[in-house]
């Protein structure tokens, strides 16, 4: 059965399945090509009549992950230029306005889309949360740094989508005053930037960071990938020069240069840059309730299927320690705690802590006092709270363990579409518990365990036996200080 909702740009036709209404492929900004290419997102032109929102809209131009990741994280490719679109899942009938969760997908700022079946929002709508998932520009289109184009265009797209939510979500039963942003990997890194961006102020009220810490680079460092692509293409390193290149050729060269890079091993890629407009150089600490954490064995997604965990020798480990300037005392501490581990495991564990667990712990520590100026705090307000989690259940698939991205199917209570990573027998009781925590945080700001304090409580999601642990692995984390 069809259902109609109104937006400021026109009416849209969604579909009802049981008690859930879905609206797919709604544009929140103009197609970012032609006169809008390499520009900040432009407003959508209003339409007459009723626009169908029955199928996912076009996805941002990209190449799929390279083997073996293409089998574990299958991309969705939907052609078309109107890639700045979003999807809404909501209960068919709504009384009081409901809390809203806006999902920002990951993919190293060069892959992914809101059309992936894993991100289906039905379970959130079933449990009283309006779920919005968004597409944004990726790769050089969204995050290439040029002298003649705005920086952080993909981040500006996300802000435009959040502005659409503020202005339109009431028409779908959502409360624009109770918006939580949630993202994984590059999506979480994006949210960490949004938390401190003056452009995003007031557009959301809580945030969830899954396996992605604050990370920005200088404009000069951010422009290195563009300069390398320009050399390969034989064009100037400008937006004007890139706009004259066939789009498929641009994607081919982009994939050749960055397709093998990953967050653990490094390599050329795309980054959010400090631009003193969208992303300030000296940002204030975020002052909204925050849920953040990571998976126990993040590195295994990149190290195990590729065979890198077996190929890393003692010599390779020593060279990596020198490259990343990791003190010998740190390596000795990790070896002592894992006397039988291969060098590849030791390197992966250190990389996970260096890039994820450590920065997220420091972010949580930085929020132990309320960051808002006393004059801007209501007299009866409480300090912003932080809640920390760790996902520890180990997938049997390819010995992936508690790897990067494994938790997403549990968060969305959508294990069927997460089988590529988790296998067919992932524990539903763990999905029930984890999904409920995300629903509760979105609804009330309290996921169900003790907020971060000097004892450092961490909610460990595992099966059987989810529990709260105080200061896990603090000796290793302190070694990095």
Protein backbone atom coordinates (compact mmCIF):
# COMPACT_ATOMS: atom_id res chain seq x y z
CA UNK A 1 0.00 0.00 0.00
CA UNK A 2 1.23 3.50 -0.79
CA UNK A 3 1.47 6.39 1.68
CA UNK A 4 1.99 10.12 1.06
CA UNK A 5 4.19 12.51 3.06
CA UNK A 6 4.82 16.21 2.51
CA UNK A 7 8.21 17.92 2.35
CA UNK A 8 9.06 21.57 1.74
CA UNK A 9 9.94 20.71 -1.86
CA UNK A 10 6.85 18.65 -2.64
CA UNK A 11 4.95 15.51 -1.73
CA UNK A 12 6.48 12.02 -1.87
CA UNK A 13 4.89 8.62 -2.23
CA UNK A 14 6.25 5.89 0.04
CA UNK A 15 5.31 2.28 0.64
CA UNK A 16 3.72 0.59 3.66
CA UNK A 17 4.83 -2.91 4.64
CA UNK A 18 2.91 -4.07 7.70
CA UNK A 19 3.32 -1.40 10.37
CA UNK A 20 6.35 0.29 8.71
CA UNK A 21 6.36 3.05 6.10
CA UNK A 22 9.45 3.57 3.94
CA UNK A 23 10.33 6.49 1.68
CA UNK A 24 13.39 5.89 -0.50
CA UNK A 25 15.58 8.10 -2.67
CA UNK A 26 14.26 11.51 -1.57
CA UNK A 27 16.60 14.26 -2.87
CA UNK A 28 17.88 16.65 -0.21
CA UNK A 29 20.11 18.66 -2.58
CA UNK A 30 20.49 19.17 -6.31
CA UNK A 31 22.45 16.68 -8.40
CA UNK A 32 26.15 17.56 -7.77
CA UNK A 33 27.15 17.54 -11.44
CA UNK A 34 27.06 19.97 -14.33
CA UNK A 35 27.13 23.51 -12.92
CA UNK A 36 27.05 22.07 -9.36
CA UNK A 37 30.06 19.79 -9.74
CA UNK A 38 32.80 20.36 -7.12
CA UNK A 39 30.56 23.00 -5.53
CA UNK A 40 28.79 23.17 -2.19
CA UNK A 41 25.41 21.38 -2.27
CA UNK A 42 22.69 23.42 -3.95
CA UNK A 43 18.98 23.46 -3.02
CA UNK A 44 16.55 21.01 -4.57
CA UNK A 45 14.14 22.42 -7.13
CA UNK A 46 10.55 21.95 -5.88
CA UNK A 47 8.34 19.58 -7.86
CA UNK A 48 4.68 19.53 -8.75
CA UNK A 49 2.40 16.66 -7.89
CA UNK A 50 3.61 13.58 -6.00
CA UNK A 51 7.12 12.20 -6.47
CA UNK A 52 7.64 8.45 -6.13
CA UNK A 53 9.93 7.47 -3.24
CA UNK A 54 9.61 3.73 -3.76
CA UNK A 55 13.17 2.76 -4.80
CA UNK A 56 16.63 3.68 -3.59
CA UNK A 57 18.09 6.65 -5.43
CA UNK A 58 21.41 6.82 -7.30
CA UNK A 59 24.57 6.14 -5.30
CA UNK A 60 27.67 8.33 -5.26
CA UNK A 61 30.17 7.41 -8.04
CA UNK A 62 32.72 4.88 -6.78
CA UNK A 63 34.49 1.66 -7.58
CA UNK A 64 33.70 -1.46 -5.51
CA UNK A 65 36.04 -2.70 -2.81
CA UNK A 66 38.86 -4.82 -4.14
CA UNK A 67 38.99 -8.57 -3.42
CA UNK A 68 38.64 -10.05 -0.88
CA UNK A 69 36.72 -7.18 0.77
CA UNK A 70 34.23 -7.05 -2.11
CA UNK A 71 32.74 -10.35 -0.89
CA UNK A 72 32.61 -9.27 2.75
CA UNK A 73 31.29 -5.72 2.20
CA UNK A 74 29.35 -5.80 -1.07
CA UNK A 75 28.67 -2.35 -2.47
CA UNK A 76 25.47 -1.28 -4.20
CA UNK A 77 25.82 0.62 -7.48
CA UNK A 78 22.76 2.56 -8.67
CA UNK A 79 23.50 4.80 -11.66
CA UNK A 80 22.27 8.36 -11.96
CA UNK A 81 23.32 11.88 -11.05
CA UNK A 82 20.83 12.66 -8.24
CA UNK A 83 23.04 10.91 -5.66
CA UNK A 84 22.38 13.42 -2.86
CA UNK A 85 19.35 11.58 -1.56
CA UNK A 86 18.13 9.99 1.65
CA UNK A 87 15.77 7.31 2.92
CA UNK A 88 13.24 7.35 5.77
CA UNK A 89 11.71 4.47 7.71
CA UNK A 90 8.97 5.31 10.19
CA UNK A 91 5.98 3.68 11.88
CA UNK A 92 2.92 3.76 9.65
CA UNK A 93 0.93 5.58 12.30
CA UNK A 94 2.48 8.05 14.74
CA UNK A 95 1.05 9.82 17.77
CA UNK A 96 3.59 11.93 19.62
CA UNK A 97 6.63 12.96 17.53
CA UNK A 98 9.29 10.23 17.64
CA UNK A 99 13.08 10.43 18.12
CA UNK A 100 15.13 10.41 14.93
CA UNK A 101 18.34 8.51 14.15
CA UNK A 102 20.35 9.69 11.11
CA UNK A 103 22.76 7.04 9.78
CA UNK A 104 25.98 8.12 8.00
CA UNK A 105 27.65 5.16 6.31
CA UNK A 106 31.36 4.35 6.34
CA UNK A 107 33.73 3.33 3.57
CA UNK A 108 36.98 5.32 3.93
CA UNK A 109 35.23 8.37 2.38
CA UNK A 110 35.39 6.62 -0.99
CA UNK A 111 32.97 3.66 -0.74
CA UNK A 112 29.53 2.81 0.54
CA UNK A 113 25.95 4.00 0.22
CA UNK A 114 22.70 4.26 2.13
CA UNK A 115 21.22 1.63 -0.21
CA UNK A 116 23.14 -1.27 1.32
CA UNK A 117 20.63 -3.87 2.62
CA UNK A 118 22.55 -4.00 5.91
CA UNK A 119 21.33 -0.46 6.69
CA UNK A 120 17.62 -1.25 6.38
CA UNK A 121 15.85 0.86 9.02
CA UNK A 122 12.79 -1.31 9.68
CA UNK A 123 13.89 -2.53 13.10
CA UNK A 124 14.40 1.02 14.35
CA UNK A 125 10.99 2.09 13.03
CA UNK A 126 9.44 -1.01 14.62
CA UNK A 127 10.86 0.14 17.96
CA UNK A 128 9.67 3.73 17.79
CA UNK A 129 12.60 5.52 16.11
CA UNK A 130 12.44 7.28 12.74
CA UNK A 131 15.54 6.11 10.84
CA UNK A 132 17.07 8.31 8.13
CA UNK A 133 20.01 7.10 6.03
CA UNK A 134 21.88 9.43 3.70
CA UNK A 135 24.15 9.38 0.67
CA UNK A 136 26.94 11.94 0.27
CA UNK A 137 29.69 12.58 -2.26
CA UNK A 138 32.71 10.31 -1.99
CA UNK A 139 36.30 10.20 -3.15
CA UNK A 140 37.65 13.07 -5.18
CA UNK A 141 34.14 14.41 -5.87
CA UNK A 142 33.42 14.85 -2.16
CA UNK A 143 36.80 15.13 -0.45
CA UNK A 144 39.35 16.08 -3.08
CA UNK A 145 41.15 19.29 -2.06
CA UNK A 146 41.34 21.90 -4.82
CA UNK A 147 42.35 25.57 -4.85
CA UNK A 148 39.20 26.49 -6.79
CA UNK A 149 36.51 24.51 -4.93
CA UNK A 150 35.09 24.38 -1.40
CA UNK A 151 36.78 21.89 0.94
CA UNK A 152 34.94 19.05 2.66
CA UNK A 153 32.12 18.93 0.12
CA UNK A 154 31.00 15.51 1.34
CA UNK A 155 30.72 16.92 4.85
CA UNK A 156 28.72 19.87 3.49
CA UNK A 157 26.41 17.28 1.91
CA UNK A 158 25.88 15.68 5.32
CA UNK A 159 25.06 19.08 6.82
CA UNK A 160 22.57 19.69 4.00
CA UNK A 161 20.95 16.32 4.76
CA UNK A 162 20.71 17.18 8.47
CA UNK A 163 19.17 20.53 7.53
CA UNK A 164 16.59 18.62 5.47
CA UNK A 165 15.84 16.48 8.53
CA UNK A 166 15.35 19.57 10.69
CA UNK A 167 13.00 21.14 8.15
CA UNK A 168 11.05 18.08 7.01
CA UNK A 169 11.15 15.16 9.43
CA UNK A 170 8.00 16.25 11.29
CA UNK A 171 6.06 15.30 8.16
CA UNK A 172 7.23 11.69 8.66
CA UNK A 173 6.41 11.57 12.37
CA UNK A 174 9.87 12.55 13.65
CA UNK A 175 10.80 15.12 16.27
CA UNK A 176 13.32 17.66 14.87
CA UNK A 177 14.25 18.48 18.47
CA UNK A 178 15.42 14.90 19.17
CA UNK A 179 17.87 14.00 16.42
CA UNK A 180 20.77 11.62 16.97
CA UNK A 181 23.50 11.17 14.35
CA UNK A 182 25.11 7.74 14.12
CA UNK A 183 27.92 6.55 11.89
CA UNK A 184 30.53 3.83 11.53
CA UNK A 185 34.17 4.15 10.44
CA UNK A 186 34.33 7.11 8.00
CA UNK A 187 30.76 7.91 9.03
CA UNK A 188 31.89 8.22 12.65
CA UNK A 189 34.92 10.30 11.63
CA UNK A 190 32.51 12.58 9.78
CA UNK A 191 30.32 12.92 12.87
CA UNK A 192 33.36 13.77 15.00
CA UNK A 193 33.92 16.71 12.64
CA UNK A 194 30.23 17.64 12.66
CA UNK A 195 30.31 17.73 16.46
CA UNK A 196 32.65 20.72 16.34
CA UNK A 197 31.46 22.38 13.12
CA UNK A 198 29.67 25.73 13.49
CA UNK A 199 27.77 24.85 10.29
CA UNK A 200 26.16 21.85 12.03
CA UNK A 201 25.32 23.57 15.33
CA UNK A 202 21.81 22.74 16.51
CA UNK A 203 21.10 20.19 13.77
CA UNK A 204 21.45 17.20 16.11
CA UNK A 205 21.29 16.60 19.85
CA UNK A 206 23.12 13.29 20.46
CA UNK A 207 25.78 11.38 18.58
CA UNK A 208 27.04 7.80 18.18
CA UNK A 209 30.56 7.04 16.94
CA UNK A 210 31.18 3.42 15.92
CA UNK A 211 34.83 2.60 15.19
CA UNK A 212 35.81 6.08 14.05
CA UNK A 213 37.66 8.73 16.10
CA UNK A 214 38.18 12.44 15.43
CA UNK A 215 40.60 12.74 12.53
CA UNK A 216 41.45 15.72 10.32
CA UNK A 217 44.49 16.72 8.30
CA UNK A 218 45.91 19.96 6.91
CA UNK A 219 44.83 21.15 3.47
CA UNK A 220 48.32 20.46 2.13
CA UNK A 221 48.23 16.85 3.27
CA UNK A 222 44.66 16.46 2.08
CA UNK A 223 45.64 17.70 -1.40
CA UNK A 224 48.33 15.04 -1.93
CA UNK A 225 45.92 12.52 -3.42
CA UNK A 226 44.56 15.13 -5.84
CA UNK A 227 48.09 16.05 -6.90
CA UNK A 228 48.94 12.37 -7.51
CA UNK A 229 45.74 11.90 -9.53
CA UNK A 230 46.43 15.06 -11.54
CA UNK A 231 49.87 13.74 -12.46
CA UNK A 232 48.42 10.43 -13.60
CA UNK A 233 45.67 12.17 -15.58
CA UNK A 234 47.93 14.82 -17.09
CA UNK A 235 45.69 17.69 -15.99
CA UNK A 236 46.08 20.59 -13.54
CA UNK A 237 45.32 19.79 -9.88
CA UNK A 238 42.23 22.01 -9.99
CA UNK A 239 38.50 21.39 -9.94
CA UNK A 240 38.31 22.91 -13.42
CA UNK A 241 40.98 20.52 -14.68
CA UNK A 242 39.29 17.47 -13.13
CA UNK A 243 35.86 18.50 -14.41
CA UNK A 244 37.13 18.06 -17.97
CA UNK A 245 38.07 14.41 -17.40
CA UNK A 246 35.68 11.59 -18.24
CA UNK A 247 34.09 10.46 -14.96
CA UNK A 248 34.89 6.76 -15.52
CA UNK A 249 38.52 7.60 -16.20
CA UNK A 250 38.59 9.66 -13.01
CA UNK A 251 37.25 6.71 -11.00
CA UNK A 252 39.77 4.35 -12.62
CA UNK A 253 42.73 6.54 -11.64
CA UNK A 254 41.31 7.11 -8.17
CA UNK A 255 40.99 3.35 -7.68
CA UNK A 256 44.52 2.73 -8.95
CA UNK A 257 45.94 5.16 -6.40
CA UNK A 258 43.82 4.53 -3.31
CA UNK A 259 42.01 1.23 -3.91
CA UNK A 260 44.50 -0.81 -1.89
CA UNK A 261 44.80 1.60 1.04
CA UNK A 262 43.15 0.79 4.35
CA UNK A 263 42.95 2.50 7.76
CA UNK A 264 45.42 0.11 9.40
CA UNK A 265 48.11 -0.30 6.74
CA UNK A 266 47.79 3.28 5.52
CA UNK A 267 48.36 4.58 2.01
CA UNK A 268 46.98 7.47 -0.03
CA UNK A 269 43.35 8.32 0.62
CA UNK A 270 40.79 11.03 1.29
CA UNK A 271 40.42 12.98 4.51
CA UNK A 272 38.42 15.69 6.21
CA UNK A 273 40.59 18.80 6.23
CA UNK A 274 40.82 21.74 8.59
CA UNK A 275 39.44 24.69 6.66
CA UNK A 276 38.43 27.21 9.38
CA UNK A 277 34.92 27.34 7.88
CA UNK A 278 33.27 23.93 8.16
CA UNK A 279 36.01 22.35 10.33
CA UNK A 280 37.74 24.84 12.67
CA UNK A 281 41.40 24.54 13.59
CA UNK A 282 40.70 24.87 17.32
CA UNK A 283 37.32 23.25 17.81
CA UNK A 284 35.51 23.33 21.14
CA UNK A 285 34.91 19.93 22.78
CA UNK A 286 31.55 18.47 21.75
CA UNK A 287 28.81 19.14 24.27
CA UNK A 288 26.08 16.65 23.34
CA UNK A 289 25.51 13.21 24.83
CA UNK A 290 27.87 10.79 23.13
CA UNK A 291 27.94 7.01 22.70
CA UNK A 292 31.22 5.73 21.26
CA UNK A 293 33.35 2.63 21.01
CA UNK A 294 34.99 0.10 18.75
CA UNK A 295 35.39 -3.61 18.10
CA UNK A 296 37.93 -5.68 19.95
CA UNK A 297 39.83 -6.87 16.85
CA UNK A 298 39.22 -4.14 14.29
CA UNK A 299 42.39 -4.92 12.31
CA UNK A 300 41.31 -8.43 11.36
CA UNK A 301 39.03 -7.21 8.56
CA UNK A 302 42.12 -6.02 6.64
CA UNK A 303 44.82 -8.34 7.97
CA UNK A 304 43.12 -11.74 7.88
CA UNK A 305 41.26 -12.12 4.53
CA UNK A 306 44.24 -10.59 2.69
CA UNK A 307 46.69 -12.93 4.39
CA UNK A 308 48.68 -10.02 5.83
CA UNK A 309 48.46 -11.45 9.34
CA UNK A 310 50.52 -14.43 8.10
CA UNK A 311 52.94 -12.43 5.96
CA UNK A 312 54.04 -10.01 8.68
CA UNK A 313 57.43 -11.23 9.92
CA UNK A 314 59.46 -10.06 12.90
CA UNK A 315 61.44 -7.85 10.51
CA UNK A 316 58.23 -6.38 9.07
CA UNK A 317 57.02 -5.69 12.58
CA UNK A 318 60.26 -3.90 13.48
CA UNK A 319 60.05 -1.79 10.31
CA UNK A 320 56.43 -0.89 11.11
CA UNK A 321 57.46 0.19 14.61
CA UNK A 322 60.04 2.52 13.07
CA UNK A 323 57.62 3.86 10.43
CA UNK A 324 54.92 4.72 12.97
CA UNK A 325 57.44 5.76 15.64
CA UNK A 326 56.10 3.25 18.15
CA UNK A 327 58.39 3.04 21.19
CA UNK A 328 60.01 -0.30 21.87
CA UNK A 329 58.53 -0.41 25.37
CA UNK A 330 55.04 -0.41 23.81
CA UNK A 331 55.85 -3.35 21.56
CA UNK A 332 57.38 -5.28 24.47
CA UNK A 333 54.22 -4.73 26.54
CA UNK A 334 51.99 -6.08 23.75
CA UNK A 335 54.27 -9.08 23.21
CA UNK A 336 54.29 -9.86 26.92
CA UNK A 337 50.49 -9.96 26.97
CA UNK A 338 50.39 -12.26 23.92
CA UNK A 339 53.41 -14.54 24.18
CA UNK A 340 52.18 -16.98 21.51
CA UNK A 341 50.83 -14.41 19.02
CA UNK A 342 52.19 -14.04 15.49
CA UNK A 343 53.95 -10.76 14.62
CA UNK A 344 50.96 -9.86 12.43
CA UNK A 345 48.61 -10.15 15.39
CA UNK A 346 50.88 -7.98 17.55
CA UNK A 347 51.02 -5.33 14.80
CA UNK A 348 47.27 -5.45 14.30
CA UNK A 349 46.51 -5.11 18.01
CA UNK A 350 48.82 -2.12 18.30
CA UNK A 351 47.34 -0.53 15.17
CA UNK A 352 43.80 -0.94 16.53
CA UNK A 353 44.77 0.78 19.78
CA UNK A 354 46.85 3.49 18.09
CA UNK A 355 44.19 4.43 15.54
CA UNK A 356 40.92 3.69 17.32
CA UNK A 357 40.77 2.59 20.94
CA UNK A 358 43.32 5.11 22.20
CA UNK A 359 41.86 8.19 20.45
CA UNK A 360 38.32 7.23 21.50
CA UNK A 361 39.44 6.83 25.13
CA UNK A 362 41.09 10.26 24.99
CA UNK A 363 37.92 11.78 23.54
CA UNK A 364 35.90 10.24 26.37
CA UNK A 365 38.39 11.53 28.96
CA UNK A 366 38.24 15.04 27.49
CA UNK A 367 34.51 15.12 28.25
CA UNK A 368 34.74 14.37 31.98
CA UNK A 369 33.80 18.01 32.66
CA UNK A 370 31.00 19.90 30.95
CA UNK A 371 32.57 21.77 28.05
CA UNK A 372 29.82 24.40 27.71
CA UNK A 373 30.54 27.88 29.07
CA UNK A 374 28.72 28.34 32.35
CA UNK A 375 26.72 31.25 30.97
CA UNK A 376 25.36 29.13 28.11
CA UNK A 377 24.14 26.27 30.34
CA UNK A 378 20.59 26.27 31.66
CA UNK A 379 20.60 26.30 35.46
CA UNK A 380 18.84 22.93 35.63
CA UNK A 381 20.86 21.21 32.87
CA UNK A 382 23.14 18.26 33.48
CA UNK A 383 26.62 17.84 31.98
CA UNK A 384 26.82 16.07 28.63
CA UNK A 385 27.38 12.37 29.21
CA UNK A 386 29.62 9.85 27.48
CA UNK A 387 29.02 6.12 27.19
CA UNK A 388 31.73 3.73 25.99
CA UNK A 389 31.27 0.27 24.46
CA UNK A 390 33.36 -2.56 23.03
CA UNK A 391 32.04 -5.20 20.65
CA UNK A 392 33.74 -8.50 21.43
CA UNK A 393 31.75 -11.32 19.80
CA UNK A 394 34.03 -13.21 17.38
CA UNK A 395 32.80 -14.14 13.92
CA UNK A 396 33.80 -17.62 12.70
CA UNK A 397 33.85 -16.46 9.06
CA UNK A 398 37.42 -16.66 7.73
CA UNK A 399 38.61 -16.26 11.35
CA UNK A 400 37.58 -12.61 11.22
CA UNK A 401 36.99 -12.47 14.97
CA UNK A 402 35.61 -9.19 16.38
CA UNK A 403 36.60 -7.29 13.25
CA UNK A 404 35.79 -3.86 11.84
CA UNK A 405 32.14 -3.38 10.73
CA UNK A 406 30.94 -6.66 12.30
CA UNK A 407 28.75 -4.86 14.84
CA UNK A 408 26.56 -3.09 12.24
CA UNK A 409 24.21 -6.01 11.66
CA UNK A 410 23.67 -6.25 15.42
CA UNK A 411 23.01 -2.51 15.80
CA UNK A 412 20.42 -2.61 13.01
CA UNK A 413 18.98 -5.93 14.26
CA UNK A 414 19.55 -7.09 10.70
CA UNK A 415 21.71 -10.21 11.00
CA UNK A 416 20.32 -11.69 7.79
CA UNK A 417 22.03 -9.01 5.71
CA UNK A 418 25.20 -9.15 7.80
CA UNK A 419 25.94 -12.82 7.13
CA UNK A 420 28.89 -12.09 4.85
CA UNK A 421 30.80 -10.97 7.97
CA UNK A 422 29.03 -12.81 10.80
CA UNK A 423 27.93 -16.09 9.19
CA UNK A 424 24.42 -17.59 9.35
CA UNK A 425 24.48 -18.42 13.07
CA UNK A 426 25.17 -15.02 14.64
CA UNK A 427 23.50 -14.77 18.07
CA UNK A 428 20.13 -13.01 17.88
CA UNK A 429 20.09 -12.36 21.67
CA UNK A 430 23.18 -10.16 21.24
CA UNK A 431 21.47 -8.22 18.43
CA UNK A 432 18.45 -7.76 20.70
CA UNK A 433 20.61 -6.28 23.46
CA UNK A 434 22.77 -4.06 21.25
CA UNK A 435 19.93 -2.75 19.10
CA UNK A 436 17.94 -1.92 22.24
CA UNK A 437 20.88 0.07 23.64
CA UNK A 438 20.99 2.20 20.46
CA UNK A 439 17.21 2.71 20.57
CA UNK A 440 17.35 3.72 24.24
CA UNK A 441 20.22 6.16 23.69
CA UNK A 442 18.41 7.74 20.74
CA UNK A 443 15.23 8.00 22.78
CA UNK A 444 16.51 9.11 26.20
CA UNK A 445 20.29 9.63 26.02
CA UNK A 446 20.87 6.60 28.28
CA UNK A 447 21.85 3.27 26.63
CA UNK A 448 21.59 1.35 29.89
CA UNK A 449 24.98 1.36 31.58
CA UNK A 450 27.12 3.69 33.67
CA UNK A 451 28.31 6.87 32.00
CA UNK A 452 32.06 7.41 31.54
CA UNK A 453 33.84 8.68 34.64
CA UNK A 454 37.28 8.31 36.19
CA UNK A 455 36.66 4.56 36.60
CA UNK A 456 36.30 4.23 32.77
CA UNK A 457 33.32 1.86 32.55
CA UNK A 458 33.03 0.03 29.21
CA UNK A 459 30.01 -1.98 28.10
CA UNK A 460 31.36 -5.16 26.50
CA UNK A 461 28.90 -6.67 24.01
CA UNK A 462 29.51 -10.41 23.73
CA UNK A 463 27.57 -13.66 23.67
CA UNK A 464 26.87 -15.12 26.04
CA UNK A 465 27.36 -12.49 28.71
CA UNK A 466 27.23 -8.77 27.90
CA UNK A 467 28.69 -6.92 30.90
CA UNK A 468 30.23 -3.64 32.07
CA UNK A 469 33.98 -3.73 32.74
CA UNK A 470 36.00 -1.01 34.45
CA UNK A 471 39.11 0.28 32.66
CA UNK A 472 39.84 -2.70 30.39
CA UNK A 473 43.41 -2.91 29.07
CA UNK A 474 44.39 0.42 30.61
CA UNK A 475 48.04 -0.58 30.99
CA UNK A 476 48.41 -0.97 27.23
CA UNK A 477 46.44 2.20 26.50
CA UNK A 478 48.52 4.24 28.97
CA UNK A 479 51.68 3.04 27.22
CA UNK A 480 50.87 5.27 24.26
CA UNK A 481 50.84 8.45 26.35
